[in-house]
């Protein structure tokens, strides 16, 4: 638990933020945070915290790969049933941990 009235803002910066060419998703919008990420490529505040929740792995893949592109190639060759199940369990565990209230 924080003993301050400081605003808490969630952010998902990507590695390209270090090169100042990445839009960073934030919640909630906050002028200081938006200005910080604005200098790193832009801030994209989302309307609600649920927007941070992960979609299904297949849904994420479909939204972020080109047909016959590199991402599709890795997904279809490396993500066999065993690897897909292991990754799914790891991501589900991470999401469950992130949803736990902080004490």
PDB file of N, CA and C in Angstrom:
ATOM      1  N   UNK A   1       0.848  -1.183   0.000  1.00  0.00           N
ATOM      2  CA  UNK A   1       0.000   0.000   0.000  1.00  0.00           C
ATOM      3  C   UNK A   1       0.887   1.237   0.000  1.00  0.00           C
ATOM      4  N   UNK A   2       0.515   2.179  -0.829  1.00  0.00           N
ATOM      5  CA  UNK A   2       1.251   3.431  -0.879  1.00  0.00           C
ATOM      6  C   UNK A   2       0.738   4.376   0.197  1.00  0.00           C
ATOM      7  N   UNK A   3       1.651   5.081   0.784  1.00  0.00           N
ATOM      8  CA  UNK A   3       1.267   6.064   1.800  1.00  0.00           C
ATOM      9  C   UNK A   3       1.398   7.462   1.220  1.00  0.00           C
ATOM     10  N   UNK A   4       0.840   7.626   0.047  1.00  0.00           N
ATOM     11  CA  UNK A   4       0.891   8.902  -0.657  1.00  0.00           C
ATOM     12  C   UNK A   4      -0.391   9.088  -1.438  1.00  0.00           C
ATOM     13  N   UNK A   5      -0.648  10.304  -1.791  1.00  0.00           N
ATOM     14  CA  UNK A   5      -1.810  10.597  -2.636  1.00  0.00           C
ATOM     15  C   UNK A   5      -1.421  10.674  -4.109  1.00  0.00           C
ATOM     16  N   UNK A   6      -0.217  10.196  -4.433  1.00  0.00           N
ATOM     17  CA  UNK A   6       0.255  10.244  -5.813  1.00  0.00           C
ATOM     18  C   UNK A   6      -0.669   9.433  -6.714  1.00  0.00           C
ATOM     19  N   UNK A   7      -0.875   9.939  -7.904  1.00  0.00           N
ATOM     20  CA  UNK A   7      -1.705   9.227  -8.882  1.00  0.00           C
ATOM     21  C   UNK A   7      -0.974   7.983  -9.365  1.00  0.00           C
ATOM     22  N   UNK A   8      -1.716   6.913  -9.566  1.00  0.00           N
ATOM     23  CA  UNK A   8      -1.166   5.687 -10.137  1.00  0.00           C
ATOM     24  C   UNK A   8      -1.641   5.574 -11.580  1.00  0.00           C
ATOM     25  N   UNK A   9      -0.699   5.352 -12.473  1.00  0.00           N
ATOM     26  CA  UNK A   9      -1.014   5.210 -13.889  1.00  0.00           C
ATOM     27  C   UNK A   9      -0.338   3.951 -14.389  1.00  0.00           C
ATOM     28  N   UNK A  10      -1.093   3.105 -15.063  1.00  0.00           N
ATOM     29  CA  UNK A  10      -0.515   1.907 -15.678  1.00  0.00           C
ATOM     30  C   UNK A  10      -0.036   2.268 -17.074  1.00  0.00           C
ATOM     31  N   UNK A  11       1.065   1.652 -17.487  1.00  0.00           N
ATOM     32  CA  UNK A  11       1.611   1.917 -18.814  1.00  0.00           C
ATOM     33  C   UNK A  11       2.194   0.636 -19.395  1.00  0.00           C
ATOM     34  N   UNK A  12       2.165   0.547 -20.715  1.00  0.00           N
ATOM     35  CA  UNK A  12       2.746  -0.597 -21.414  1.00  0.00           C
ATOM     36  C   UNK A  12       3.745  -0.057 -22.442  1.00  0.00           C
ATOM     37  N   UNK A  13       4.928   0.363 -21.971  1.00  0.00           N
ATOM     38  CA  UNK A  13       5.922   0.835 -22.944  1.00  0.00           C
ATOM     39  C   UNK A  13       6.544  -0.340 -23.690  1.00  0.00           C
ATOM     40  N   UNK A  14       6.800  -0.146 -24.944  1.00  0.00           N
ATOM     41  CA  UNK A  14       7.453  -1.164 -25.771  1.00  0.00           C
ATOM     42  C   UNK A  14       8.936  -0.818 -25.901  1.00  0.00           C
ATOM     43  N   UNK A  15       9.757  -1.782 -26.283  1.00  0.00           N
ATOM     44  CA  UNK A  15      11.200  -1.501 -26.396  1.00  0.00           C
ATOM     45  C   UNK A  15      11.534  -0.320 -27.298  1.00  0.00           C
ATOM     46  N   UNK A  16      10.716  -0.056 -28.313  1.00  0.00           N
ATOM     47  CA  UNK A  16      11.028   1.055 -29.217  1.00  0.00           C
ATOM     48  C   UNK A  16      10.838   2.421 -28.564  1.00  0.00           C
ATOM     49  N   UNK A  17      10.292   2.460 -27.351  1.00  0.00           N
ATOM     50  CA  UNK A  17      10.189   3.738 -26.631  1.00  0.00           C
ATOM     51  C   UNK A  17      11.583   4.308 -26.366  1.00  0.00           C
ATOM     52  N   UNK A  18      12.580   3.433 -26.194  1.00  0.00           N
ATOM     53  CA  UNK A  18      13.941   3.928 -25.960  1.00  0.00           C
ATOM     54  C   UNK A  18      14.471   4.703 -27.162  1.00  0.00           C
ATOM     55  N   UNK A  19      13.916   4.430 -28.340  1.00  0.00           N
ATOM     56  CA  UNK A  19      14.308   5.144 -29.553  1.00  0.00           C
ATOM     57  C   UNK A  19      13.353   6.297 -29.858  1.00  0.00           C
ATOM     58  N   UNK A  20      12.441   6.553 -28.947  1.00  0.00           N
ATOM     59  CA  UNK A  20      11.441   7.624 -29.079  1.00  0.00           C
ATOM     60  C   UNK A  20      10.558   7.451 -30.308  1.00  0.00           C
ATOM     61  N   UNK A  21      10.157   6.188 -30.530  1.00  0.00           N
ATOM     62  CA  UNK A  21       9.291   5.932 -31.685  1.00  0.00           C
ATOM     63  C   UNK A  21       8.242   4.872 -31.369  1.00  0.00           C
ATOM     64  N   UNK A  22       7.671   4.975 -30.166  1.00  0.00           N
ATOM     65  CA  UNK A  22       6.662   4.004 -29.767  1.00  0.00           C
ATOM     66  C   UNK A  22       5.524   4.702 -29.036  1.00  0.00           C
ATOM     67  N   UNK A  23       4.320   4.445 -29.457  1.00  0.00           N
ATOM     68  CA  UNK A  23       3.156   4.929 -28.719  1.00  0.00           C
ATOM     69  C   UNK A  23       2.955   4.004 -27.527  1.00  0.00           C
ATOM     70  N   UNK A  24       2.776   4.581 -26.349  1.00  0.00           N
ATOM     71  CA  UNK A  24       2.621   3.800 -25.122  1.00  0.00           C
ATOM     72  C   UNK A  24       1.193   3.901 -24.610  1.00  0.00           C
ATOM     73  N   UNK A  25       0.591   2.752 -24.369  1.00  0.00           N
ATOM     74  CA  UNK A  25      -0.763   2.691 -23.831  1.00  0.00           C
ATOM     75  C   UNK A  25      -0.708   3.000 -22.339  1.00  0.00           C
ATOM     76  N   UNK A  26      -1.613   3.881 -21.879  1.00  0.00           N
ATOM     77  CA  UNK A  26      -1.668   4.263 -20.466  1.00  0.00           C
ATOM     78  C   UNK A  26      -3.105   4.232 -19.965  1.00  0.00           C
ATOM     79  N   UNK A  27      -3.241   4.104 -18.650  1.00  0.00           N
ATOM     80  CA  UNK A  27      -4.551   4.225 -17.990  1.00  0.00           C
ATOM     81  C   UNK A  27      -4.334   4.598 -16.540  1.00  0.00           C
ATOM     82  N   UNK A  28      -5.040   5.565 -16.042  1.00  0.00           N
ATOM     83  CA  UNK A  28      -5.864   6.532 -16.756  1.00  0.00           C
ATOM     84  C   UNK A  28      -4.988   7.617 -17.368  1.00  0.00           C
ATOM     85  N   UNK A  29      -5.608   8.465 -18.134  1.00  0.00           N
ATOM     86  CA  UNK A  29      -4.870   9.591 -18.695  1.00  0.00           C
ATOM     87  C   UNK A  29      -4.407  10.494 -17.554  1.00  0.00           C
ATOM     88  N   UNK A  30      -3.174  10.951 -17.650  1.00  0.00           N
ATOM     89  CA  UNK A  30      -2.614  11.856 -16.645  1.00  0.00           C
ATOM     90  C   UNK A  30      -1.666  12.808 -17.375  1.00  0.00           C
ATOM     91  N   UNK A  31      -1.789  14.105 -17.157  1.00  0.00           N
ATOM     92  CA  UNK A  31      -0.998  15.044 -17.951  1.00  0.00           C
ATOM     93  C   UNK A  31       0.512  14.838 -17.853  1.00  0.00           C
ATOM     94  N   UNK A  32       1.031  14.501 -16.684  1.00  0.00           N
ATOM     95  CA  UNK A  32       2.477  14.308 -16.540  1.00  0.00           C
ATOM     96  C   UNK A  32       2.922  13.043 -17.273  1.00  0.00           C
ATOM     97  N   UNK A  33       2.174  11.979 -17.109  1.00  0.00           N
ATOM     98  CA  UNK A  33       2.506  10.713 -17.767  1.00  0.00           C
ATOM     99  C   UNK A  33       2.357  10.841 -19.283  1.00  0.00           C
ATOM    100  N   UNK A  34       1.277  11.486 -19.709  1.00  0.00           N
ATOM    101  CA  UNK A  34       1.065  11.673 -21.145  1.00  0.00           C
ATOM    102  C   UNK A  34       2.194  12.506 -21.750  1.00  0.00           C
ATOM    103  N   UNK A  35       2.669  13.511 -21.031  1.00  0.00           N
ATOM    104  CA  UNK A  35       3.778  14.339 -21.528  1.00  0.00           C
ATOM    105  C   UNK A  35       5.069  13.522 -21.598  1.00  0.00           C
ATOM    106  N   UNK A  36       5.328  12.698 -20.579  1.00  0.00           N
ATOM    107  CA  UNK A  36       6.527  11.863 -20.572  1.00  0.00           C
ATOM    108  C   UNK A  36       6.541  10.934 -21.779  1.00  0.00           C
ATOM    109  N   UNK A  37       5.463  10.177 -21.950  1.00  0.00           N
ATOM    110  CA  UNK A  37       5.415   9.245 -23.065  1.00  0.00           C
ATOM    111  C   UNK A  37       5.256   9.969 -24.404  1.00  0.00           C
ATOM    112  N   UNK A  38       4.717  11.180 -24.360  1.00  0.00           N
ATOM    113  CA  UNK A  38       4.648  11.981 -25.576  1.00  0.00           C
ATOM    114  C   UNK A  38       6.035  12.249 -26.143  1.00  0.00           C
ATOM    115  N   UNK A  39       7.011  12.442 -25.261  1.00  0.00           N
ATOM    116  CA  UNK A  39       8.392  12.662 -25.701  1.00  0.00           C
ATOM    117  C   UNK A  39       9.052  11.372 -26.173  1.00  0.00           C
ATOM    118  N   UNK A  40       8.444  10.228 -25.867  1.00  0.00           N
ATOM    119  CA  UNK A  40       9.016   8.929 -26.252  1.00  0.00           C
ATOM    120  C   UNK A  40       8.284   8.305 -27.435  1.00  0.00           C
ATOM    121  N   UNK A  41       7.451   9.075 -28.084  1.00  0.00           N
ATOM    122  CA  UNK A  41       6.763   8.567 -29.260  1.00  0.00           C
ATOM    123  C   UNK A  41       5.260   8.740 -29.207  1.00  0.00           C
ATOM    124  N   UNK A  42       4.729   9.054 -28.052  1.00  0.00           N
ATOM    125  CA  UNK A  42       3.295   9.296 -27.926  1.00  0.00           C
ATOM    126  C   UNK A  42       2.659   8.482 -26.822  1.00  0.00           C
ATOM    127  N   UNK A  43       1.582   9.016 -26.289  1.00  0.00           N
ATOM    128  CA  UNK A  43       0.795   8.318 -25.271  1.00  0.00           C
ATOM    129  C   UNK A  43      -0.571   8.019 -25.861  1.00  0.00           C
ATOM    130  N   UNK A  44      -1.112   6.843 -25.526  1.00  0.00           N
ATOM    131  CA  UNK A  44      -2.445   6.455 -25.975  1.00  0.00           C
ATOM    132  C   UNK A  44      -3.247   6.030 -24.751  1.00  0.00           C
ATOM    133  N   UNK A  45      -3.845   6.997 -24.045  1.00  0.00           N
ATOM    134  CA  UNK A  45      -4.667   6.614 -22.895  1.00  0.00           C
ATOM    135  C   UNK A  45      -5.883   5.806 -23.355  1.00  0.00           C
ATOM    136  N   UNK A  46      -6.216   4.761 -22.596  1.00  0.00           N
ATOM    137  CA  UNK A  46      -7.399   3.962 -22.920  1.00  0.00           C
ATOM    138  C   UNK A  46      -8.526   4.348 -21.975  1.00  0.00           C
ATOM    139  N   UNK A  47      -9.746   4.048 -22.386  1.00  0.00           N
ATOM    140  CA  UNK A  47     -10.931   4.487 -21.654  1.00  0.00           C
ATOM    141  C   UNK A  47     -11.123   3.785 -20.319  1.00  0.00           C
ATOM    142  N   UNK A  48     -10.725   2.513 -20.234  1.00  0.00           N
ATOM    143  CA  UNK A  48     -10.902   1.795 -18.972  1.00  0.00           C
ATOM    144  C   UNK A  48      -9.812   0.742 -18.805  1.00  0.00           C
ATOM    145  N   UNK A  49      -9.651   0.296 -17.568  1.00  0.00           N
ATOM    146  CA  UNK A  49      -8.572  -0.634 -17.241  1.00  0.00           C
ATOM    147  C   UNK A  49      -8.740  -1.990 -17.920  1.00  0.00           C
ATOM    148  N   UNK A  50      -9.958  -2.352 -18.253  1.00  0.00           N
ATOM    149  CA  UNK A  50     -10.195  -3.635 -18.923  1.00  0.00           C
ATOM    150  C   UNK A  50      -9.471  -3.709 -20.263  1.00  0.00           C
ATOM    151  N   UNK A  51      -9.166  -2.557 -20.846  1.00  0.00           N
ATOM    152  CA  UNK A  51      -8.450  -2.548 -22.119  1.00  0.00           C
ATOM    153  C   UNK A  51      -7.039  -3.107 -21.974  1.00  0.00           C
ATOM    154  N   UNK A  52      -6.528  -3.162 -20.734  1.00  0.00           N
ATOM    155  CA  UNK A  52      -5.207  -3.741 -20.505  1.00  0.00           C
ATOM    156  C   UNK A  52      -5.239  -5.263 -20.468  1.00  0.00           C
ATOM    157  N   UNK A  53      -6.409  -5.850 -20.268  1.00  0.00           N
ATOM    158  CA  UNK A  53      -6.499  -7.308 -20.179  1.00  0.00           C
ATOM    159  C   UNK A  53      -6.108  -7.942 -21.500  1.00  0.00           C
ATOM    160  N   UNK A  54      -5.388  -9.022 -21.418  1.00  0.00           N
ATOM    161  CA  UNK A  54      -4.927  -9.716 -22.620  1.00  0.00           C
ATOM    162  C   UNK A  54      -6.097 -10.380 -23.324  1.00  0.00           C
ATOM    163  N   UNK A  55      -6.072 -10.320 -24.620  1.00  0.00           N
ATOM    164  CA  UNK A  55      -6.997 -11.096 -25.410  1.00  0.00           C
ATOM    165  C   UNK A  55      -6.385 -12.469 -25.540  1.00  0.00           C
ATOM    166  N   UNK A  56      -7.101 -13.383 -26.279  1.00  0.00           N
ATOM    167  CA  UNK A  56      -6.573 -14.732 -26.458  1.00  0.00           C
ATOM    168  C   UNK A  56      -5.297 -14.655 -27.287  1.00  0.00           C
ATOM    169  N   UNK A  57      -4.400 -15.666 -27.112  1.00  0.00           N
ATOM    170  CA  UNK A  57      -3.148 -15.690 -27.859  1.00  0.00           C
ATOM    171  C   UNK A  57      -3.413 -15.741 -29.357  1.00  0.00           C
ATOM    172  N   UNK A  58      -4.398 -16.533 -29.763  1.00  0.00           N
ATOM    173  CA  UNK A  58      -4.684 -16.609 -31.205  1.00  0.00           C
ATOM    174  C   UNK A  58      -5.227 -15.276 -31.716  1.00  0.00           C
ATOM    175  N   UNK A  59      -6.005 -14.580 -30.887  1.00  0.00           N
ATOM    176  CA  UNK A  59      -6.518 -13.267 -31.281  1.00  0.00           C
ATOM    177  C   UNK A  59      -5.400 -12.245 -31.401  1.00  0.00           C
ATOM    178  N   UNK A  60      -4.470 -12.264 -30.444  1.00  0.00           N
ATOM    179  CA  UNK A  60      -3.322 -11.354 -30.515  1.00  0.00           C
ATOM    180  C   UNK A  60      -2.485 -11.634 -31.752  1.00  0.00           C
ATOM    181  N   UNK A  61      -2.261 -12.912 -32.026  1.00  0.00           N
ATOM    182  CA  UNK A  61      -1.462 -13.281 -33.195  1.00  0.00           C
ATOM    183  C   UNK A  61      -2.123 -12.801 -34.476  1.00  0.00           C
ATOM    184  N   UNK A  62      -3.416 -13.015 -34.585  1.00  0.00           N
ATOM    185  CA  UNK A  62      -4.120 -12.623 -35.801  1.00  0.00           C
ATOM    186  C   UNK A  62      -4.058 -11.115 -36.026  1.00  0.00           C
ATOM    187  N   UNK A  63      -4.035 -10.350 -34.950  1.00  0.00           N
ATOM    188  CA  UNK A  63      -4.006  -8.896 -35.070  1.00  0.00           C
ATOM    189  C   UNK A  63      -2.608  -8.349 -35.330  1.00  0.00           C
ATOM    190  N   UNK A  64      -1.567  -9.157 -35.116  1.00  0.00           N
ATOM    191  CA  UNK A  64      -0.199  -8.633 -35.191  1.00  0.00           C
ATOM    192  C   UNK A  64       0.715  -9.415 -36.122  1.00  0.00           C
ATOM    193  N   UNK A  65       0.141 -10.071 -37.087  1.00  0.00           N
ATOM    194  CA  UNK A  65       0.986 -10.777 -38.042  1.00  0.00           C
ATOM    195  C   UNK A  65       0.439 -10.617 -39.456  1.00  0.00           C
ATOM    196  N   UNK A  66       1.360 -10.581 -40.381  1.00  0.00           N
ATOM    197  CA  UNK A  66       0.997 -10.522 -41.795  1.00  0.00           C
ATOM    198  C   UNK A  66       0.918 -11.943 -42.329  1.00  0.00           C
ATOM    199  N   UNK A  67      -0.022 -12.205 -43.219  1.00  0.00           N
ATOM    200  CA  UNK A  67      -0.073 -13.547 -43.808  1.00  0.00           C
ATOM    201  C   UNK A  67       1.273 -13.902 -44.445  1.00  0.00           C
ATOM    202  N   UNK A  68       1.772 -15.058 -44.111  1.00  0.00           N
ATOM    203  CA  UNK A  68       3.052 -15.580 -44.594  1.00  0.00           C
ATOM    204  C   UNK A  68       4.258 -14.756 -44.129  1.00  0.00           C
ATOM    205  N   UNK A  69       4.035 -13.896 -43.099  1.00  0.00           N
ATOM    206  CA  UNK A  69       5.122 -13.068 -42.568  1.00  0.00           C
ATOM    207  C   UNK A  69       5.909 -13.795 -41.488  1.00  0.00           C
ATOM    208  N   UNK A  70       6.891 -13.100 -40.927  1.00  0.00           N
ATOM    209  CA  UNK A  70       7.767 -13.698 -39.916  1.00  0.00           C
ATOM    210  C   UNK A  70       7.009 -14.151 -38.674  1.00  0.00           C
ATOM    211  N   UNK A  71       6.096 -13.314 -38.180  1.00  0.00           N
ATOM    212  CA  UNK A  71       5.359 -13.687 -36.972  1.00  0.00           C
ATOM    213  C   UNK A  71       4.505 -14.932 -37.203  1.00  0.00           C
ATOM    214  N   UNK A  72       3.843 -14.999 -38.356  1.00  0.00           N
ATOM    215  CA  UNK A  72       3.039 -16.183 -38.660  1.00  0.00           C
ATOM    216  C   UNK A  72       3.931 -17.423 -38.758  1.00  0.00           C
ATOM    217  N   UNK A  73       5.092 -17.264 -39.338  1.00  0.00           N
ATOM    218  CA  UNK A  73       6.016 -18.406 -39.480  1.00  0.00           C
ATOM    219  C   UNK A  73       6.416 -18.959 -38.119  1.00  0.00           C
ATOM    220  N   UNK A  74       6.793 -18.069 -37.203  1.00  0.00           N
ATOM    221  CA  UNK A  74       7.185 -18.531 -35.864  1.00  0.00           C
ATOM    222  C   UNK A  74       5.983 -19.142 -35.144  1.00  0.00           C
ATOM    223  N   UNK A  75       4.825 -18.495 -35.231  1.00  0.00           N
ATOM    224  CA  UNK A  75       3.646 -19.027 -34.544  1.00  0.00           C
ATOM    225  C   UNK A  75       3.292 -20.419 -35.039  1.00  0.00           C
ATOM    226  N   UNK A  76       3.376 -20.643 -36.344  1.00  0.00           N
ATOM    227  CA  UNK A  76       2.942 -21.928 -36.883  1.00  0.00           C
ATOM    228  C   UNK A  76       4.008 -23.012 -36.793  1.00  0.00           C
ATOM    229  N   UNK A  77       5.262 -22.643 -36.549  1.00  0.00           N
ATOM    230  CA  UNK A  77       6.302 -23.666 -36.430  1.00  0.00           C
ATOM    231  C   UNK A  77       6.716 -23.922 -34.985  1.00  0.00           C
ATOM    232  N   UNK A  78       6.785 -22.904 -34.173  1.00  0.00           N
ATOM    233  CA  UNK A  78       7.245 -23.081 -32.789  1.00  0.00           C
ATOM    234  C   UNK A  78       6.103 -23.367 -31.838  1.00  0.00           C
ATOM    235  N   UNK A  79       4.929 -22.766 -32.102  1.00  0.00           N
ATOM    236  CA  UNK A  79       3.802 -22.934 -31.195  1.00  0.00           C
ATOM    237  C   UNK A  79       3.047 -24.221 -31.471  1.00  0.00           C
ATOM    238  N   UNK A  80       3.723 -25.334 -31.211  1.00  0.00           N
ATOM    239  CA  UNK A  80       3.019 -26.608 -31.291  1.00  0.00           C
ATOM    240  C   UNK A  80       2.124 -26.709 -30.056  1.00  0.00           C
ATOM    241  N   UNK A  81       1.292 -27.736 -29.945  1.00  0.00           N
ATOM    242  CA  UNK A  81       0.368 -27.804 -28.810  1.00  0.00           C
ATOM    243  C   UNK A  81       1.054 -27.721 -27.442  1.00  0.00           C
ATOM    244  N   UNK A  82       2.185 -28.377 -27.268  1.00  0.00           N
ATOM    245  CA  UNK A  82       2.867 -28.344 -25.965  1.00  0.00           C
ATOM    246  C   UNK A  82       3.387 -26.942 -25.644  1.00  0.00           C
ATOM    247  N   UNK A  83       4.032 -26.300 -26.607  1.00  0.00           N
ATOM    248  CA  UNK A  83       4.541 -24.946 -26.375  1.00  0.00           C
ATOM    249  C   UNK A  83       3.402 -23.952 -26.172  1.00  0.00           C
ATOM    250  N   UNK A  84       2.344 -24.091 -26.943  1.00  0.00           N
ATOM    251  CA  UNK A  84       1.195 -23.197 -26.793  1.00  0.00           C
ATOM    252  C   UNK A  84       0.569 -23.344 -25.419  1.00  0.00           C
ATOM    253  N   UNK A  85       0.450 -24.575 -24.945  1.00  0.00           N
ATOM    254  CA  UNK A  85      -0.126 -24.810 -23.614  1.00  0.00           C
ATOM    255  C   UNK A  85       0.765 -24.222 -22.527  1.00  0.00           C
ATOM    256  N   UNK A  86       2.076 -24.412 -22.635  1.00  0.00           N
ATOM    257  CA  UNK A  86       3.001 -23.874 -21.638  1.00  0.00           C
ATOM    258  C   UNK A  86       2.951 -22.352 -21.612  1.00  0.00           C
ATOM    259  N   UNK A  87       2.934 -21.720 -22.782  1.00  0.00           N
ATOM    260  CA  UNK A  87       2.860 -20.261 -22.838  1.00  0.00           C
ATOM    261  C   UNK A  87       1.530 -19.773 -22.280  1.00  0.00           C
ATOM    262  N   UNK A  88       0.447 -20.452 -22.646  1.00  0.00           N
ATOM    263  CA  UNK A  88      -0.874 -20.069 -22.124  1.00  0.00           C
ATOM    264  C   UNK A  88      -0.922 -20.118 -20.616  1.00  0.00           C
ATOM    265  N   UNK A  89      -0.363 -21.169 -20.017  1.00  0.00           N
ATOM    266  CA  UNK A  89      -0.338 -21.276 -18.551  1.00  0.00           C
ATOM    267  C   UNK A  89       0.499 -20.165 -17.936  1.00  0.00           C
ATOM    268  N   UNK A  90       1.649 -19.877 -18.547  1.00  0.00           N
ATOM    269  CA  UNK A  90       2.516 -18.816 -18.017  1.00  0.00           C
ATOM    270  C   UNK A  90       1.821 -17.457 -18.089  1.00  0.00           C
ATOM    271  N   UNK A  91       1.165 -17.175 -19.215  1.00  0.00           N
ATOM    272  CA  UNK A  91       0.479 -15.890 -19.358  1.00  0.00           C
ATOM    273  C   UNK A  91      -0.733 -15.797 -18.440  1.00  0.00           C
ATOM    274  N   UNK A  92      -1.475 -16.898 -18.286  1.00  0.00           N
ATOM    275  CA  UNK A  92      -2.617 -16.901 -17.362  1.00  0.00           C
ATOM    276  C   UNK A  92      -2.159 -16.658 -15.930  1.00  0.00           C
ATOM    277  N   UNK A  93      -1.031 -17.281 -15.543  1.00  0.00           N
ATOM    278  CA  UNK A  93      -0.493 -17.067 -14.202  1.00  0.00           C
ATOM    279  C   UNK A  93      -0.059 -15.633 -13.991  1.00  0.00           C
ATOM    280  N   UNK A  94       0.583 -15.053 -14.996  1.00  0.00           N
ATOM    281  CA  UNK A  94       0.999 -13.652 -14.907  1.00  0.00           C
ATOM    282  C   UNK A  94      -0.206 -12.739 -14.772  1.00  0.00           C
ATOM    283  N   UNK A  95      -1.235 -12.965 -15.584  1.00  0.00           N
ATOM    284  CA  UNK A  95      -2.438 -12.141 -15.511  1.00  0.00           C
ATOM    285  C   UNK A  95      -3.111 -12.276 -14.153  1.00  0.00           C
ATOM    286  N   UNK A  96      -3.184 -13.476 -13.613  1.00  0.00           N
ATOM    287  CA  UNK A  96      -3.778 -13.677 -12.288  1.00  0.00           C
ATOM    288  C   UNK A  96      -2.987 -12.905 -11.228  1.00  0.00           C
ATOM    289  N   UNK A  97      -1.656 -12.943 -11.314  1.00  0.00           N
ATOM    290  CA  UNK A  97      -0.834 -12.195 -10.366  1.00  0.00           C
ATOM    291  C   UNK A  97      -1.051 -10.693 -10.488  1.00  0.00           C
ATOM    292  N   UNK A  98      -1.163 -10.211 -11.718  1.00  0.00           N
ATOM    293  CA  UNK A  98      -1.355  -8.783 -11.934  1.00  0.00           C
ATOM    294  C   UNK A  98      -2.710  -8.301 -11.437  1.00  0.00           C
ATOM    295  N   UNK A  99      -3.678  -9.194 -11.403  1.00  0.00           N
ATOM    296  CA  UNK A  99      -5.019  -8.821 -10.934  1.00  0.00           C
ATOM    297  C   UNK A  99      -5.156  -8.864  -9.415  1.00  0.00           C
ATOM    298  N   UNK A 100      -4.169  -9.411  -8.728  1.00  0.00           N
ATOM    299  CA  UNK A 100      -4.225  -9.501  -7.269  1.00  0.00           C
ATOM    300  C   UNK A 100      -4.100  -8.109  -6.662  1.00  0.00           C
ATOM    301  N   UNK A 101      -4.911  -7.827  -5.651  1.00  0.00           N
ATOM    302  CA  UNK A 101      -4.783  -6.514  -4.996  1.00  0.00           C
ATOM    303  C   UNK A 101      -3.414  -6.397  -4.318  1.00  0.00           C
ATOM    304  N   UNK A 102      -2.867  -5.224  -4.379  1.00  0.00           N
ATOM    305  CA  UNK A 102      -1.570  -4.973  -3.759  1.00  0.00           C
ATOM    306  C   UNK A 102      -1.797  -4.649  -2.282  1.00  0.00           C
ATOM    307  N   UNK A 103      -0.921  -5.166  -1.430  1.00  0.00           N
ATOM    308  CA  UNK A 103      -1.079  -4.850   0.004  1.00  0.00           C
ATOM    309  C   UNK A 103       0.053  -3.996   0.485  1.00  0.00           C
TER     310      UNK A 103
END
